[in-house]
Structures are given as C-alpha cells and as structure tokens.
C-alpha cells in the first residue's frame, strides 16, 4: 500500500499490516496481537483496533469473538468473488474511459507492458501490471469506482503472492494486455471491454488450481 503524509495513524497501520498479509509475511490463520502492534507503532490500542476494522472490511482479517483477530484464510469462493467483481467494475471503467483516453495514457500502458517484459520476479511484474490497469482505467475519472478496483487488486494480489511458485504469471497475461491495448488504439469500445473482461475472468481457474496445489504442501496453523 502506498503511504502519504496525509494518512492517519490507523491508515498507516492498516496499510503496513495489509502489505505483510498480501506478501505472506503474516500467514493465513495467524493471530494479530494488539499489544505487539501497538508497541511497534508506539501507540494505544485505539488506532490498532480501527486498523483491524479497516482490514476486516477488505477481507484480509477475521474477527473471532472472545479470541481476537486472525489473518483471513485463502479460499476459493473469495477468488471467484474478487475476480467477478473486478471483471464487472473494470469493464465499466473501460467503457467510460474509452472516449477520454489520451495518447499519454496509451504511452503509459505501453511502457508498463515493456517494463513487465523485463521483470525478474512477481513483485516487479505485479507493479507493472497494476500500472497498466491504472493507465487505462484512470481516465474514467470515477474516484469511488477506482478506489474499489484498487482494493480488489490488493485482495487479488494476496493470492498472486501465495501461488507464485505454482503459476506462470507472465506470458499469457502480457499477450492479453497487448490485445486490450490494440482495441483501445482502434477505439473499439466493444472489443476493449470484451478483452478486459475475458482477461480478468480467465485468471479464476488458474488461481484456484494453484491454490489447491499450494494447500497440498502448506500446513495450516493449528487452532489453540
């Protein structure tokens, strides 16, 4: 998560914890201790509890009555939900953005594809992937829509990191990015929307199969 000087303390705490959850530094089922987190950020429990609420609203943690807060599990229904929502909302953003996309937006998307081709790891590639999607969605100028899409990307990214060893995350996605950009250059709204919807929905089966492969080898934390 990107930090800015205008962020509140609870936003910074939530952002850093979200980053650790997404990257797998905090594992599914792991308990988050308010005392330890408050001490880390030199604060009281109040902003920590607010940070937990923010993370829970994003589906990254789960509040368990009389037990505390734990990192949410990685599960197949969540993959399906996240992907279907992304497909619907990014298609909407594409439809609205198309008449407003400028040469500078196309250039930014093209540069993101070129940098992704040189990426050496999932973190670098994913940063380029986000830049591509942002370049073609941002012109829609719908801040609430863009914020929701951004949150869905964060939720999806957790599965990308978790299954990076089981998936071939680069070639097919890059080819589909080029197809989307070609449709944008042709100013073909119908084709561009169809391409981006298919591009996003195609990832469901890949991620589910990769998650199943991961779950065969990763031990789930024992409840105590």
C-alpha atoms as a PDB file:
ATOM      1  CA  UNK A   1       0.000   0.000   0.000  1.00  0.00           C
ATOM      2  CA  UNK A   2       1.299   3.463  -0.887  1.00  0.00           C
ATOM      3  CA  UNK A   3       1.724   5.807   2.075  1.00  0.00           C
ATOM      4  CA  UNK A   4       1.321   9.572   2.034  1.00  0.00           C
ATOM      5  CA  UNK A   5       1.959  12.268   4.608  1.00  0.00           C
ATOM      6  CA  UNK A   6      -1.806  12.915   4.862  1.00  0.00           C
ATOM      7  CA  UNK A   7      -2.590   9.390   6.054  1.00  0.00           C
ATOM      8  CA  UNK A   8      -3.845   8.921   9.612  1.00  0.00           C
ATOM      9  CA  UNK A   9      -2.031   6.620  12.028  1.00  0.00           C
ATOM     10  CA  UNK A  10      -4.698   3.927  11.698  1.00  0.00           C
ATOM     11  CA  UNK A  11      -4.405   4.123   7.911  1.00  0.00           C
ATOM     12  CA  UNK A  12      -0.636   3.660   8.113  1.00  0.00           C
ATOM     13  CA  UNK A  13      -1.002   0.712  10.492  1.00  0.00           C
ATOM     14  CA  UNK A  14      -3.657  -0.878   8.284  1.00  0.00           C
ATOM     15  CA  UNK A  15      -1.525  -0.292   5.192  1.00  0.00           C
ATOM     16  CA  UNK A  16       1.597  -1.891   6.621  1.00  0.00           C
ATOM     17  CA  UNK A  17      -0.294  -4.859   8.017  1.00  0.00           C
ATOM     18  CA  UNK A  18      -2.097  -5.284   4.695  1.00  0.00           C
ATOM     19  CA  UNK A  19       1.261  -5.313   2.911  1.00  0.00           C
ATOM     20  CA  UNK A  20       2.553  -8.038   5.235  1.00  0.00           C
ATOM     21  CA  UNK A  21      -0.609 -10.108   4.774  1.00  0.00           C
ATOM     22  CA  UNK A  22      -0.543  -9.735   0.999  1.00  0.00           C
ATOM     23  CA  UNK A  23       3.113 -10.761   0.773  1.00  0.00           C
ATOM     24  CA  UNK A  24       2.612 -13.725   3.096  1.00  0.00           C
ATOM     25  CA  UNK A  25       4.763 -12.360   5.909  1.00  0.00           C
ATOM     26  CA  UNK A  26       1.643 -12.832   8.044  1.00  0.00           C
ATOM     27  CA  UNK A  27       0.215 -16.240   7.209  1.00  0.00           C
ATOM     28  CA  UNK A  28      -3.456 -17.322   6.925  1.00  0.00           C
ATOM     29  CA  UNK A  29      -4.763 -18.174  10.391  1.00  0.00           C
ATOM     30  CA  UNK A  30      -2.036 -16.223  12.198  1.00  0.00           C
ATOM     31  CA  UNK A  31      -3.297 -14.197  15.167  1.00  0.00           C
ATOM     32  CA  UNK A  32      -2.639 -10.449  15.272  1.00  0.00           C
ATOM     33  CA  UNK A  33      -1.759  -9.254  18.777  1.00  0.00           C
ATOM     34  CA  UNK A  34      -2.953  -5.765  19.657  1.00  0.00           C
ATOM     35  CA  UNK A  35      -0.267  -5.282  22.328  1.00  0.00           C
ATOM     36  CA  UNK A  36       2.593  -6.128  19.987  1.00  0.00           C
ATOM     37  CA  UNK A  37       1.270  -3.990  17.143  1.00  0.00           C
ATOM     38  CA  UNK A  38       0.542  -1.031  19.435  1.00  0.00           C
ATOM     39  CA  UNK A  39       4.089  -1.277  20.784  1.00  0.00           C
ATOM     40  CA  UNK A  40       5.558  -1.467  17.281  1.00  0.00           C
ATOM     41  CA  UNK A  41       3.815   1.754  16.254  1.00  0.00           C
ATOM     42  CA  UNK A  42       4.206   3.407  19.680  1.00  0.00           C
ATOM     43  CA  UNK A  43       0.503   3.981  20.098  1.00  0.00           C
ATOM     44  CA  UNK A  44      -2.543   2.892  22.082  1.00  0.00           C
ATOM     45  CA  UNK A  45      -4.928   0.087  21.188  1.00  0.00           C
ATOM     46  CA  UNK A  46      -7.477   2.519  19.696  1.00  0.00           C
ATOM     47  CA  UNK A  47      -5.822   3.112  16.272  1.00  0.00           C
ATOM     48  CA  UNK A  48      -4.851  -0.581  16.147  1.00  0.00           C
ATOM     49  CA  UNK A  49      -8.485  -1.641  16.596  1.00  0.00           C
ATOM     50  CA  UNK A  50      -9.520   0.839  13.885  1.00  0.00           C
ATOM     51  CA  UNK A  51      -6.827  -0.594  11.610  1.00  0.00           C
ATOM     52  CA  UNK A  52      -8.199  -4.075  12.255  1.00  0.00           C
ATOM     53  CA  UNK A  53     -11.685  -2.892  11.258  1.00  0.00           C
ATOM     54  CA  UNK A  54     -10.298  -1.493   8.004  1.00  0.00           C
ATOM     55  CA  UNK A  55      -8.521  -4.764   7.253  1.00  0.00           C
ATOM     56  CA  UNK A  56     -11.637  -6.782   8.048  1.00  0.00           C
ATOM     57  CA  UNK A  57     -13.715  -4.662   5.657  1.00  0.00           C
ATOM     58  CA  UNK A  58     -11.210  -5.583   2.936  1.00  0.00           C
ATOM     59  CA  UNK A  59     -11.452  -9.291   3.773  1.00  0.00           C
ATOM     60  CA  UNK A  60      -7.827  -9.527   4.910  1.00  0.00           C
ATOM     61  CA  UNK A  61      -8.513 -10.394   8.555  1.00  0.00           C
ATOM     62  CA  UNK A  62     -11.281 -12.048  10.539  1.00  0.00           C
ATOM     63  CA  UNK A  63     -12.539 -11.011  13.966  1.00  0.00           C
ATOM     64  CA  UNK A  64     -13.270 -14.033  16.185  1.00  0.00           C
ATOM     65  CA  UNK A  65     -15.484 -13.304  19.225  1.00  0.00           C
ATOM     66  CA  UNK A  66     -13.600 -13.641  22.541  1.00  0.00           C
ATOM     67  CA  UNK A  67     -10.478 -14.754  20.667  1.00  0.00           C
ATOM     68  CA  UNK A  68      -9.156 -11.771  18.759  1.00  0.00           C
ATOM     69  CA  UNK A  69      -8.236 -11.064  15.146  1.00  0.00           C
ATOM     70  CA  UNK A  70      -6.610 -13.523  12.762  1.00  0.00           C
ATOM     71  CA  UNK A  71      -5.385 -13.337   9.188  1.00  0.00           C
ATOM     72  CA  UNK A  72      -8.176 -14.481   6.866  1.00  0.00           C
ATOM     73  CA  UNK A  73      -7.846 -17.820   5.120  1.00  0.00           C
ATOM     74  CA  UNK A  74      -7.121 -18.157   1.419  1.00  0.00           C
ATOM     75  CA  UNK A  75     -10.225 -19.746  -0.062  1.00  0.00           C
ATOM     76  CA  UNK A  76     -11.730 -20.477  -3.465  1.00  0.00           C
ATOM     77  CA  UNK A  77     -15.052 -18.584  -3.023  1.00  0.00           C
ATOM     78  CA  UNK A  78     -13.075 -15.405  -2.325  1.00  0.00           C
ATOM     79  CA  UNK A  79     -11.076 -15.829  -5.533  1.00  0.00           C
ATOM     80  CA  UNK A  80     -14.307 -16.161  -7.513  1.00  0.00           C
ATOM     81  CA  UNK A  81     -15.916 -13.150  -5.806  1.00  0.00           C
ATOM     82  CA  UNK A  82     -12.873 -10.902  -6.213  1.00  0.00           C
ATOM     83  CA  UNK A  83     -12.448 -11.856  -9.858  1.00  0.00           C
ATOM     84  CA  UNK A  84     -16.087 -11.413 -10.826  1.00  0.00           C
ATOM     85  CA  UNK A  85     -16.235  -8.021  -9.130  1.00  0.00           C
ATOM     86  CA  UNK A  86     -13.042  -6.913 -10.859  1.00  0.00           C
ATOM     87  CA  UNK A  87     -14.345  -8.065 -14.244  1.00  0.00           C
ATOM     88  CA  UNK A  88     -17.592  -6.121 -13.821  1.00  0.00           C
ATOM     89  CA  UNK A  89     -16.043  -2.937 -12.441  1.00  0.00           C
ATOM     90  CA  UNK A  90     -13.000  -2.740 -14.717  1.00  0.00           C
ATOM     91  CA  UNK A  91     -15.239  -3.327 -17.720  1.00  0.00           C
ATOM     92  CA  UNK A  92     -17.397  -0.414 -16.534  1.00  0.00           C
ATOM     93  CA  UNK A  93     -14.298   1.747 -16.070  1.00  0.00           C
ATOM     94  CA  UNK A  94     -13.098   0.780 -19.559  1.00  0.00           C
ATOM     95  CA  UNK A  95     -16.436   1.670 -21.149  1.00  0.00           C
ATOM     96  CA  UNK A  96     -16.487   5.111 -19.514  1.00  0.00           C
ATOM     97  CA  UNK A  97     -12.765   5.753 -20.038  1.00  0.00           C
ATOM     98  CA  UNK A  98     -12.566   4.881 -23.739  1.00  0.00           C
ATOM     99  CA  UNK A  99     -13.691   8.273 -25.148  1.00  0.00           C
ATOM    100  CA  UNK A 100     -11.397  10.028 -22.662  1.00  0.00           C
ATOM    101  CA  UNK A 101      -8.187   8.048 -23.103  1.00  0.00           C
ATOM    102  CA  UNK A 102      -5.322  10.204 -24.367  1.00  0.00           C
ATOM    103  CA  UNK A 103      -2.071   9.341 -26.141  1.00  0.00           C
ATOM    104  CA  UNK A 104      -0.274   9.830 -22.831  1.00  0.00           C
ATOM    105  CA  UNK A 105      -2.439   7.111 -21.233  1.00  0.00           C
ATOM    106  CA  UNK A 106      -1.689   4.717 -24.085  1.00  0.00           C
ATOM    107  CA  UNK A 107       2.013   5.538 -23.774  1.00  0.00           C
ATOM    108  CA  UNK A 108       1.907   4.810 -20.027  1.00  0.00           C
ATOM    109  CA  UNK A 109       0.168   1.478 -20.635  1.00  0.00           C
ATOM    110  CA  UNK A 110       2.680   0.559 -23.349  1.00  0.00           C
ATOM    111  CA  UNK A 111       5.617   1.416 -21.088  1.00  0.00           C
ATOM    112  CA  UNK A 112       4.115  -0.747 -18.326  1.00  0.00           C
ATOM    113  CA  UNK A 113       3.943  -3.726 -20.705  1.00  0.00           C
ATOM    114  CA  UNK A 114       7.548  -3.193 -21.787  1.00  0.00           C
ATOM    115  CA  UNK A 115       8.782  -2.989 -18.179  1.00  0.00           C
ATOM    116  CA  UNK A 116       6.803  -6.115 -17.287  1.00  0.00           C
ATOM    117  CA  UNK A 117       8.592  -7.982 -20.081  1.00  0.00           C
ATOM    118  CA  UNK A 118      11.855  -7.287 -18.253  1.00  0.00           C
ATOM    119  CA  UNK A 119      10.552  -8.122 -14.769  1.00  0.00           C
ATOM    120  CA  UNK A 120      12.579 -10.700 -12.874  1.00  0.00           C
ATOM    121  CA  UNK A 121      10.147 -11.504 -10.048  1.00  0.00           C
ATOM    122  CA  UNK A 122       6.466 -11.439  -9.173  1.00  0.00           C
ATOM    123  CA  UNK A 123       6.722  -8.206  -7.165  1.00  0.00           C
ATOM    124  CA  UNK A 124       8.261  -6.242 -10.025  1.00  0.00           C
ATOM    125  CA  UNK A 125       5.910  -7.783 -12.586  1.00  0.00           C
ATOM    126  CA  UNK A 126       2.839  -7.074 -10.471  1.00  0.00           C
ATOM    127  CA  UNK A 127       3.840  -3.442 -10.038  1.00  0.00           C
ATOM    128  CA  UNK A 128       3.927  -3.118 -13.845  1.00  0.00           C
ATOM    129  CA  UNK A 129       0.635  -4.981 -14.123  1.00  0.00           C
ATOM    130  CA  UNK A 130      -1.032  -2.502 -11.776  1.00  0.00           C
ATOM    131  CA  UNK A 131       0.431   0.422 -13.730  1.00  0.00           C
ATOM    132  CA  UNK A 132      -1.055  -0.980 -16.939  1.00  0.00           C
ATOM    133  CA  UNK A 133      -4.530  -1.395 -15.474  1.00  0.00           C
ATOM    134  CA  UNK A 134      -4.418   2.010 -13.805  1.00  0.00           C
ATOM    135  CA  UNK A 135      -3.341   3.729 -17.036  1.00  0.00           C
ATOM    136  CA  UNK A 136      -6.399   2.504 -18.939  1.00  0.00           C
ATOM    137  CA  UNK A 137      -8.889   2.864 -16.057  1.00  0.00           C
ATOM    138  CA  UNK A 138      -7.870   6.227 -14.589  1.00  0.00           C
ATOM    139  CA  UNK A 139      -9.360   8.319 -17.437  1.00  0.00           C
ATOM    140  CA  UNK A 140     -12.881   7.275 -16.393  1.00  0.00           C
ATOM    141  CA  UNK A 141     -12.476   9.850 -13.573  1.00  0.00           C
ATOM    142  CA  UNK A 142     -14.778   7.978 -11.186  1.00  0.00           C
ATOM    143  CA  UNK A 143     -12.925   8.052  -7.835  1.00  0.00           C
ATOM    144  CA  UNK A 144     -15.214   5.682  -5.923  1.00  0.00           C
ATOM    145  CA  UNK A 145     -15.066   3.134  -8.711  1.00  0.00           C
ATOM    146  CA  UNK A 146     -11.278   3.413  -8.977  1.00  0.00           C
ATOM    147  CA  UNK A 147     -10.859   3.054  -5.211  1.00  0.00           C
ATOM    148  CA  UNK A 148     -12.957  -0.122  -5.182  1.00  0.00           C
ATOM    149  CA  UNK A 149     -10.964  -1.541  -8.109  1.00  0.00           C
ATOM    150  CA  UNK A 150      -7.735  -0.727  -6.279  1.00  0.00           C
ATOM    151  CA  UNK A 151      -8.936  -2.580  -3.163  1.00  0.00           C
ATOM    152  CA  UNK A 152      -9.859  -5.598  -5.282  1.00  0.00           C
ATOM    153  CA  UNK A 153      -6.370  -5.591  -6.799  1.00  0.00           C
ATOM    154  CA  UNK A 154      -4.905  -5.706  -3.286  1.00  0.00           C
ATOM    155  CA  UNK A 155      -7.169  -8.638  -2.373  1.00  0.00           C
ATOM    156  CA  UNK A 156      -6.199 -10.451  -5.589  1.00  0.00           C
ATOM    157  CA  UNK A 157      -2.518  -9.754  -5.061  1.00  0.00           C
ATOM    158  CA  UNK A 158      -2.555 -11.829  -1.880  1.00  0.00           C
ATOM    159  CA  UNK A 159      -3.435 -14.889  -3.961  1.00  0.00           C
ATOM    160  CA  UNK A 160      -0.821 -13.999  -6.572  1.00  0.00           C
ATOM    161  CA  UNK A 161       1.956 -13.927  -3.975  1.00  0.00           C
ATOM    162  CA  UNK A 162       0.707 -17.099  -2.269  1.00  0.00           C
ATOM    163  CA  UNK A 163       0.659 -19.081  -5.521  1.00  0.00           C
ATOM    164  CA  UNK A 164       3.639 -17.508  -7.295  1.00  0.00           C
ATOM    165  CA  UNK A 165       5.558 -20.797  -7.283  1.00  0.00           C
ATOM    166  CA  UNK A 166       2.594 -22.687  -8.778  1.00  0.00           C
ATOM    167  CA  UNK A 167       1.637 -20.286 -11.578  1.00  0.00           C
ATOM    168  CA  UNK A 168       3.206 -19.000 -14.783  1.00  0.00           C
ATOM    169  CA  UNK A 169       2.205 -15.400 -14.125  1.00  0.00           C
ATOM    170  CA  UNK A 170       3.737 -13.637 -17.120  1.00  0.00           C
ATOM    171  CA  UNK A 171       3.275 -14.725 -20.786  1.00  0.00           C
ATOM    172  CA  UNK A 172      -0.499 -15.148 -21.184  1.00  0.00           C
ATOM    173  CA  UNK A 173      -1.310 -12.019 -19.217  1.00  0.00           C
ATOM    174  CA  UNK A 174       1.143  -9.947 -21.253  1.00  0.00           C
ATOM    175  CA  UNK A 175      -0.377 -11.145 -24.528  1.00  0.00           C
ATOM    176  CA  UNK A 176      -3.853 -10.211 -23.264  1.00  0.00           C
ATOM    177  CA  UNK A 177      -2.615  -6.771 -22.206  1.00  0.00           C
ATOM    178  CA  UNK A 178      -1.430  -6.198 -25.781  1.00  0.00           C
ATOM    179  CA  UNK A 179      -4.832  -7.265 -27.137  1.00  0.00           C
ATOM    180  CA  UNK A 180      -6.601  -4.810 -24.826  1.00  0.00           C
ATOM    181  CA  UNK A 181      -4.269  -2.006 -25.882  1.00  0.00           C
ATOM    182  CA  UNK A 182      -4.767  -2.797 -29.577  1.00  0.00           C
ATOM    183  CA  UNK A 183      -8.546  -2.499 -29.125  1.00  0.00           C
ATOM    184  CA  UNK A 184      -8.068   0.839 -27.351  1.00  0.00           C
ATOM    185  CA  UNK A 185      -5.896   2.123 -30.201  1.00  0.00           C
ATOM    186  CA  UNK A 186      -8.607   1.052 -32.653  1.00  0.00           C
ATOM    187  CA  UNK A 187     -11.155   2.902 -30.481  1.00  0.00           C
ATOM    188  CA  UNK A 188     -13.247  -0.275 -30.453  1.00  0.00           C
ATOM    189  CA  UNK A 189     -15.166   0.009 -27.177  1.00  0.00           C
ATOM    190  CA  UNK A 190     -16.964  -3.322 -27.512  1.00  0.00           C
ATOM    191  CA  UNK A 191     -13.768  -5.232 -28.245  1.00  0.00           C
ATOM    192  CA  UNK A 192     -11.795  -3.486 -25.491  1.00  0.00           C
ATOM    193  CA  UNK A 193     -14.475  -4.253 -22.888  1.00  0.00           C
ATOM    194  CA  UNK A 194     -14.735  -7.877 -24.020  1.00  0.00           C
ATOM    195  CA  UNK A 195     -10.949  -8.274 -23.901  1.00  0.00           C
ATOM    196  CA  UNK A 196     -10.556  -6.884 -20.403  1.00  0.00           C
ATOM    197  CA  UNK A 197     -13.486  -8.912 -19.056  1.00  0.00           C
ATOM    198  CA  UNK A 198     -12.079 -12.129 -20.534  1.00  0.00           C
ATOM    199  CA  UNK A 199      -8.572 -11.234 -19.351  1.00  0.00           C
ATOM    200  CA  UNK A 200      -9.749 -10.939 -15.744  1.00  0.00           C
ATOM    201  CA  UNK A 201     -12.140 -13.894 -15.721  1.00  0.00           C
ATOM    202  CA  UNK A 202      -9.562 -16.227 -17.283  1.00  0.00           C
ATOM    203  CA  UNK A 203      -7.492 -15.963 -14.113  1.00  0.00           C
ATOM    204  CA  UNK A 204     -10.091 -17.693 -11.899  1.00  0.00           C
ATOM    205  CA  UNK A 205      -9.304 -21.269 -12.856  1.00  0.00           C
ATOM    206  CA  UNK A 206      -5.554 -20.614 -12.865  1.00  0.00           C
ATOM    207  CA  UNK A 207      -5.604 -19.198  -9.336  1.00  0.00           C
ATOM    208  CA  UNK A 208      -7.938 -21.883  -7.967  1.00  0.00           C
ATOM    209  CA  UNK A 209      -5.770 -24.707  -9.327  1.00  0.00           C
ATOM    210  CA  UNK A 210      -2.649 -23.013  -7.980  1.00  0.00           C
ATOM    211  CA  UNK A 211      -4.278 -22.551  -4.574  1.00  0.00           C
ATOM    212  CA  UNK A 212      -5.168 -26.253  -4.464  1.00  0.00           C
ATOM    213  CA  UNK A 213      -1.571 -27.148  -5.298  1.00  0.00           C
ATOM    214  CA  UNK A 214      -0.361 -24.847  -2.531  1.00  0.00           C
ATOM    215  CA  UNK A 215      -2.756 -26.268   0.050  1.00  0.00           C
ATOM    216  CA  UNK A 216      -1.432 -29.758  -0.586  1.00  0.00           C
ATOM    217  CA  UNK A 217       2.008 -28.709   0.604  1.00  0.00           C
ATOM    218  CA  UNK A 218       1.423 -25.889   3.121  1.00  0.00           C
ATOM    219  CA  UNK A 219       0.475 -26.707   6.698  1.00  0.00           C
ATOM    220  CA  UNK A 220      -2.412 -24.701   8.143  1.00  0.00           C
ATOM    221  CA  UNK A 221      -1.751 -23.159  11.596  1.00  0.00           C
ATOM    222  CA  UNK A 222      -3.291 -25.221  14.391  1.00  0.00           C
ATOM    223  CA  UNK A 223      -6.025 -23.544  16.475  1.00  0.00           C
ATOM    224  CA  UNK A 224      -5.095 -23.302  20.151  1.00  0.00           C
END
